[in-house]
Protein backbone atom coordinates (compact mmCIF):
# COMPACT_ATOMS: atom_id res chain seq x y z
CA ASP A 1 6.89 2.98 10.72
CA LEU A 2 4.35 4.04 8.13
CA GLU A 3 5.13 6.78 5.64
CA GLY A 4 2.48 8.61 3.60
CA ILE A 5 0.13 5.54 3.33
CA SER A 6 -3.03 6.32 1.43
CA LEU A 7 -5.41 3.34 1.26
CA SER A 8 -9.12 3.36 0.39
CA VAL A 9 -11.49 0.36 0.39
CA LEU A 10 -14.75 1.30 -1.39
CA ALA A 11 -18.10 -0.52 -1.01
CA GLY A 12 -18.51 -3.52 -3.35
CA SER A 13 -14.66 -4.02 -3.68
CA VAL A 14 -12.13 -6.50 -2.47
CA VAL A 15 -8.78 -4.97 -1.86
CA GLY A 16 -5.76 -7.43 -1.62
CA PHE A 17 -2.99 -5.98 0.76
CA ILE A 18 0.38 -7.53 0.04
CA GLY A 19 4.02 -7.14 1.09
CA SER A 20 7.07 -8.94 2.69
CA ASN A 21 6.89 -9.80 6.47
CA GLY A 22 7.56 -6.58 8.35
CA ALA A 23 6.48 -4.40 5.58
CA GLY A 24 3.80 -2.72 7.62
CA LYS A 25 0.64 -4.59 6.73
CA THR A 26 -0.45 -5.51 10.21
CA THR A 27 0.54 -2.05 11.48
CA THR A 28 -1.62 -0.51 8.98
CA ILE A 29 -4.61 -2.65 9.89
CA LYS A 30 -4.12 -2.03 13.56
CA ALA A 31 -4.14 1.72 12.97
CA ILE A 32 -7.45 1.25 11.02
CA LEU A 33 -8.90 -0.57 13.87
CA GLY A 34 -7.68 1.90 16.52
CA LEU A 35 -5.54 -0.67 18.15
CA ILE A 36 -2.59 1.75 17.81
CA ARG A 37 -2.83 5.60 17.41
CA PRO A 38 -0.80 6.98 14.40
CA ASP A 39 1.29 9.99 14.89
CA GLY A 40 -0.13 11.82 12.04
CA GLY A 41 -2.54 11.38 9.07
CA SER A 42 -6.26 10.60 9.15
CA ILE A 43 -8.50 7.48 9.18
CA SER A 44 -12.08 7.49 8.16
CA LEU A 45 -14.60 4.58 8.66
CA PHE A 46 -17.77 4.51 6.61
CA GLY A 47 -17.15 8.00 5.48
CA GLU A 48 -16.62 9.28 9.04
CA GLU A 49 -13.31 10.76 10.29
CA VAL A 50 -12.21 8.76 13.20
CA THR A 51 -8.77 10.03 13.99
CA GLY A 52 -8.94 11.29 17.63
CA ALA A 53 -12.50 10.34 17.84
CA PRO A 54 -13.99 9.43 21.29
CA GLU A 55 -13.62 5.70 22.28
CA LYS A 56 -17.40 5.27 22.48
CA ARG A 57 -18.00 6.43 18.82
CA LEU A 58 -14.95 4.27 17.63
CA ALA A 59 -16.52 1.32 19.43
CA GLN A 60 -19.89 1.96 17.66
CA LEU A 61 -18.26 2.10 14.15
CA LYS A 62 -16.17 -1.01 14.91
CA GLN A 63 -19.46 -2.99 15.43
CA ARG A 64 -19.74 -2.89 11.63
CA ILE A 65 -16.25 -4.41 11.10
CA GLY A 66 -15.41 -8.17 10.97
CA VAL A 67 -11.92 -9.00 11.75
CA VAL A 68 -9.80 -12.13 11.25
CA PHE A 69 -6.17 -12.08 12.41
CA ASP A 70 -3.63 -14.77 11.72
CA THR A 71 -4.16 -16.23 15.11
CA VAL A 72 -7.41 -16.91 17.00
CA SER A 73 -8.10 -14.05 19.27
CA VAL A 74 -10.30 -15.69 21.96
CA PRO A 75 -9.24 -17.40 25.31
CA PRO A 76 -7.89 -20.96 24.37
CA HIS A 77 -9.90 -22.68 27.24
CA LEU A 78 -13.24 -21.59 25.79
CA LYS A 79 -15.46 -24.15 24.05
CA VAL A 80 -16.34 -23.31 20.42
CA GLY A 81 -20.01 -22.89 21.34
CA ASP A 82 -19.05 -20.44 24.12
CA VAL A 83 -17.16 -18.24 21.74
CA GLY A 84 -20.58 -17.47 20.02
CA ARG A 85 -21.97 -16.41 23.37
CA LEU A 86 -19.00 -14.16 24.04
CA TYR A 87 -19.47 -12.39 20.76
CA GLY A 88 -23.10 -12.18 21.45
CA ARG A 89 -22.18 -9.94 24.37
CA ALA A 90 -19.66 -7.91 22.37
CA PHE A 91 -21.87 -7.19 19.24
CA ARG A 92 -25.34 -5.89 19.33
CA THR A 93 -25.93 -7.29 15.85
CA TRP A 94 -24.81 -10.75 16.59
CA GLU A 95 -26.75 -13.56 14.61
CA GLY A 96 -26.60 -16.59 16.76
CA HIS A 97 -28.29 -18.78 14.11
CA ALA A 98 -25.90 -17.66 11.48
CA PHE A 99 -23.05 -18.59 13.62
CA ALA A 100 -24.38 -22.05 14.45
CA ARG A 101 -24.95 -22.61 10.65
CA ARG A 102 -21.39 -21.56 9.78
CA LEU A 103 -19.90 -23.97 12.62
CA LYS A 104 -21.94 -26.74 10.86
CA ASP A 105 -20.71 -25.68 7.44
CA PHE A 106 -17.10 -25.61 8.56
CA GLY A 107 -17.29 -28.86 10.48
CA LEU A 108 -16.57 -27.36 13.77
CA ASP A 109 -17.56 -29.09 16.97
CA ALA A 110 -19.15 -26.66 19.33
CA GLY A 111 -18.13 -28.86 22.22
CA LYS A 112 -14.37 -28.58 21.53
CA GLN A 113 -12.21 -26.13 23.21
CA VAL A 114 -10.45 -23.55 21.23
CA LYS A 115 -6.86 -24.78 22.14
CA GLU A 116 -7.83 -28.27 20.57
CA LEU A 117 -8.27 -26.72 17.08
CA SER A 118 -5.82 -27.08 14.32
CA ARG A 119 -4.58 -23.76 12.78
CA GLY A 120 -6.90 -24.29 9.85
CA MET A 121 -9.97 -25.07 12.19
CA GLY A 122 -8.97 -21.89 14.20
CA MET A 123 -9.12 -19.74 11.12
CA LYS A 124 -12.59 -21.13 10.26
CA LEU A 125 -13.73 -20.39 13.80
CA SER A 126 -12.54 -16.76 13.39
CA LEU A 127 -14.19 -16.44 9.96
CA ALA A 128 -17.47 -17.83 11.35
CA CYS A 129 -17.33 -15.07 13.90
CA ALA A 130 -16.40 -12.26 11.64
CA LEU A 131 -19.32 -13.14 9.23
CA SER A 132 -21.92 -13.57 11.84
CA HIS A 133 -22.60 -10.05 13.19
CA GLY A 134 -23.79 -8.04 10.22
CA SER A 135 -20.45 -6.68 9.18
CA SER A 136 -20.15 -4.02 6.35
CA LEU A 137 -16.40 -4.30 6.21
CA LEU A 138 -14.19 -7.38 6.65
CA ILE A 139 -10.54 -7.04 7.56
CA LEU A 140 -8.59 -10.28 6.94
CA ASP A 141 -5.04 -10.67 7.96
CA GLU A 142 -3.70 -14.06 6.60
CA ALA A 143 -7.20 -15.50 7.05
CA THR A 144 -6.65 -18.34 4.55
CA ALA A 145 -3.23 -19.30 5.92
CA GLY A 146 -3.32 -23.03 7.20
CA LEU A 147 -6.35 -23.90 5.12
CA ASP A 148 -6.07 -26.75 2.53
CA PRO A 149 -6.90 -25.71 -1.14
CA MET A 150 -10.55 -27.00 -0.81
CA ALA A 151 -11.24 -25.25 2.44
CA ARG A 152 -9.70 -22.02 0.98
CA GLU A 153 -12.03 -22.28 -2.03
CA GLU A 154 -14.99 -22.54 0.28
CA VAL A 155 -13.79 -19.48 2.20
CA LEU A 156 -13.37 -17.52 -1.01
CA ASP A 157 -16.96 -18.54 -1.95
CA MET A 158 -18.16 -17.15 1.20
CA LEU A 159 -16.29 -14.01 0.82
CA ARG A 160 -17.63 -13.49 -2.74
CA ASP A 161 -21.12 -14.04 -1.31
CA PHE A 162 -20.43 -11.40 1.38
CA VAL A 163 -19.23 -8.74 -0.84
CA ALA A 164 -22.02 -9.29 -3.26
CA ALA A 165 -24.41 -7.62 -0.87
CA PRO A 166 -24.85 -3.86 -1.23
CA GLY A 167 -22.51 -1.71 0.95
CA ARG A 168 -20.03 -4.33 1.83
CA ALA A 169 -16.20 -4.41 1.13
CA ILE A 170 -13.18 -6.37 2.14
CA LEU A 171 -9.56 -5.61 2.84
CA MET A 172 -7.57 -8.77 2.62
CA SER A 173 -4.02 -9.12 3.68
CA SER A 174 -2.57 -12.41 2.26
CA HIS A 175 0.92 -14.12 1.24
CA ILE A 176 -1.31 -16.53 -0.82
CA THR A 177 -1.56 -14.20 -3.78
CA SER A 178 -3.24 -16.88 -5.89
CA ASP A 179 -6.31 -16.37 -3.60
CA LEU A 180 -6.23 -12.55 -4.32
CA GLU A 181 -6.02 -13.37 -8.05
CA ARG A 182 -9.48 -15.16 -7.69
CA ILE A 183 -11.20 -12.65 -5.60
CA ALA A 184 -9.54 -9.12 -5.49
CA ASP A 185 -10.48 -6.11 -7.47
CA ARG A 186 -7.45 -4.04 -6.54
CA VAL A 187 -3.99 -4.96 -5.20
CA VAL A 188 -2.02 -2.72 -2.92
CA CYS A 189 1.64 -3.50 -2.08
CA ILE A 190 3.45 -2.09 0.74
CA ASP A 191 7.16 -2.18 1.52
CA GLU A 192 9.22 -0.57 4.46
CA GLY A 193 5.91 1.38 5.43
CA ARG A 194 5.37 2.83 1.98
CA ILE A 195 2.96 1.91 -0.88
CA VAL A 196 5.00 0.43 -3.85
CA PHE A 197 1.92 0.09 -6.16
CA ASP A 198 -1.96 0.34 -6.01
CA LEU A 199 -3.42 -1.10 -9.23
CA ALA A 200 -6.50 -2.92 -10.44
CA LYS A 201 -5.81 -6.64 -10.24
CA ASP A 202 -6.89 -7.15 -14.01
CA ALA A 203 -4.18 -4.56 -14.96
CA ILE A 204 -1.70 -6.92 -13.65
CA THR A 205 -2.96 -10.37 -14.59
CA ASP A 206 -4.86 -9.64 -17.82
CA GLU A 207 -2.57 -7.09 -19.48
CA MET A 208 0.96 -7.38 -18.21
CA GLY A 209 3.39 -10.24 -18.95
CA VAL A 210 6.81 -11.50 -18.11
CA ALA A 211 9.18 -11.94 -21.00
CA ARG A 212 11.68 -14.81 -20.67
CA CYS A 213 14.70 -13.48 -22.34
CA ARG A 214 18.21 -14.50 -23.29
CA VAL A 215 20.82 -11.72 -22.90
CA ALA A 216 20.66 -10.92 -26.61
CA ASP A 217 16.90 -10.71 -26.31
CA PHE A 218 17.06 -8.35 -23.36
CA GLU A 219 19.45 -5.94 -25.27
CA ARG A 220 17.18 -5.93 -28.26
CA ILE A 221 14.04 -5.11 -26.09
CA ALA A 222 15.99 -2.47 -24.27
CA SER A 223 17.19 -0.83 -27.38
CA SER A 224 13.83 -0.95 -29.04
CA GLY A 225 12.17 1.71 -26.87
CA PHE A 226 9.21 -0.65 -26.35
CA VAL A 227 9.60 0.07 -22.72
CA PRO A 228 11.11 3.48 -21.62
CA GLU A 229 14.61 2.76 -20.48
CA SER A 230 13.91 4.41 -17.03
CA GLU A 231 10.94 1.99 -16.55
CA LEU A 232 12.51 -1.17 -17.76
CA ARG A 233 12.30 -3.60 -14.76
CA TYR A 234 14.01 -6.86 -14.88
CA GLN A 235 15.51 -9.74 -12.79
CA ARG A 236 18.51 -11.84 -13.71
CA HIS A 237 18.51 -15.47 -13.07
CA GLU A 238 20.95 -18.41 -13.95
CA TYR A 239 18.90 -19.33 -16.91
CA GLY A 240 18.06 -15.87 -18.35
CA ILE A 241 16.49 -12.47 -17.65
CA ASP A 242 12.83 -11.80 -16.62
CA VAL A 243 11.56 -8.61 -17.98
CA LEU A 244 8.21 -6.72 -17.04
CA VAL A 245 6.06 -6.20 -20.03
CA PRO A 246 3.28 -3.60 -19.57
CA ASP A 247 1.15 -5.14 -22.54
CA ARG A 248 1.85 -8.75 -23.25
CA TYR A 249 -0.33 -8.79 -26.46
CA ASP A 250 1.56 -5.89 -27.99
CA PHE A 251 4.80 -7.41 -26.97
CA ALA A 252 3.93 -10.72 -28.56
CA ARG A 253 3.41 -8.79 -31.80
CA ARG A 254 6.59 -6.94 -31.70
CA PHE A 255 8.69 -9.80 -30.38
CA PRO A 256 7.03 -13.12 -31.59
CA ASP A 257 10.23 -15.03 -30.93
CA VAL A 258 10.55 -14.13 -27.21
CA PRO A 259 8.40 -16.19 -24.75
CA CYS A 260 5.94 -13.87 -22.77
CA ASP A 261 4.00 -15.56 -19.77
CA ARG A 262 1.02 -14.07 -18.17
CA MET A 263 1.85 -11.88 -15.17
CA THR A 264 0.96 -13.14 -11.61
CA ILE A 265 0.68 -10.92 -8.67
CA ASP A 266 3.78 -12.75 -7.25
CA ASP A 267 5.80 -12.04 -10.44
CA TYR A 268 4.82 -8.18 -10.31
CA MET A 269 5.52 -7.90 -6.65
CA THR A 270 8.94 -9.51 -7.19
CA LEU A 271 9.87 -7.38 -10.11
CA MET A 272 8.76 -4.24 -8.32
CA LEU A 273 10.49 -4.96 -5.14
CA LYS A 274 13.53 -6.82 -6.29
CA GLY A 275 13.91 -6.15 -9.88
CA GLY A 276 16.68 -3.84 -11.39
CA VAL A 277 15.93 -0.69 -13.39
CA ARG A 278 18.03 0.23 -16.34
C-alpha cells in the first residue's frame, strides 16, 4: 500500500527512486502508468490530470512515455527484429531507423529470438525500444540490472544524451545506487509505501559525510550539540559507530581527529532506514 506519496519529475531532471524490495517502488510506477488504479490521490502526466481520465486519453499520453521493466515485456518467441515491427504498430511516433541503429550499437542480433537473449541483452532490447519512439519521459525499473559495468556506462551515456534534449525527464528505480550517483539530480527513497527522503543528490554526496567513530568519539560528538540530539542518526558495528554528518567539511574542522568519509546514497539510505536516533 502507498501512503501519502508525493513525487514529481520535472523536465530536464533525472530522479533516482530507491528503497528495499517490497517498499512500493514498482507499485508507484504501475500507478503512474495506469496499470493499477489508486484508491485515492491524483496523478498528472505532462501537466495534465489523468486520475480517472478516459482510457483513450491516457493511451495518447502514454505514447510519450518510454518504459523499461526489470524483465523483457514482449512475447519470448518473437525475433528481435520483429519486436521493432510490433512497437511500430503500438506507437505512432515509432522511429524504425533509430531502433535499427540501437540494435547495432548494443550488439543485438535482429534474427535471434527474445527467449535466447541473456538478461543483460534483454535489458538492452527493452532500452532500445524505449528510446526509439520519441519519448518525453523515460521510466526505468531496474533497467541496468544484469549489465556489466562497461555496458552500464554505455546505457548511462545514452540516458544523459536523452535528458539533455529540451522537455525530457527520467524516473529511474535502481538498486545500483552508484549509477544514480553518476546520473541523478534528485533521489527519492520509499519504505513501506511512504517517502523517507526526497533530496538533491548533491546534498547527499557533496555535503554529507559518515563519521567513523569509537564509542568515546560518539559520546563527544553527541554531547557537543554539533547535530541536534533528536536528529543524530547512527549505526553500531563490531568495529565502531557510523554517524550521519550533515556537513562533512564543518565536521572536519570541529573534529579533525575523527575520520569522516564522503556519504554515498547507499550509506544515507542505510542510516535513514536502519540507523538509530538518540
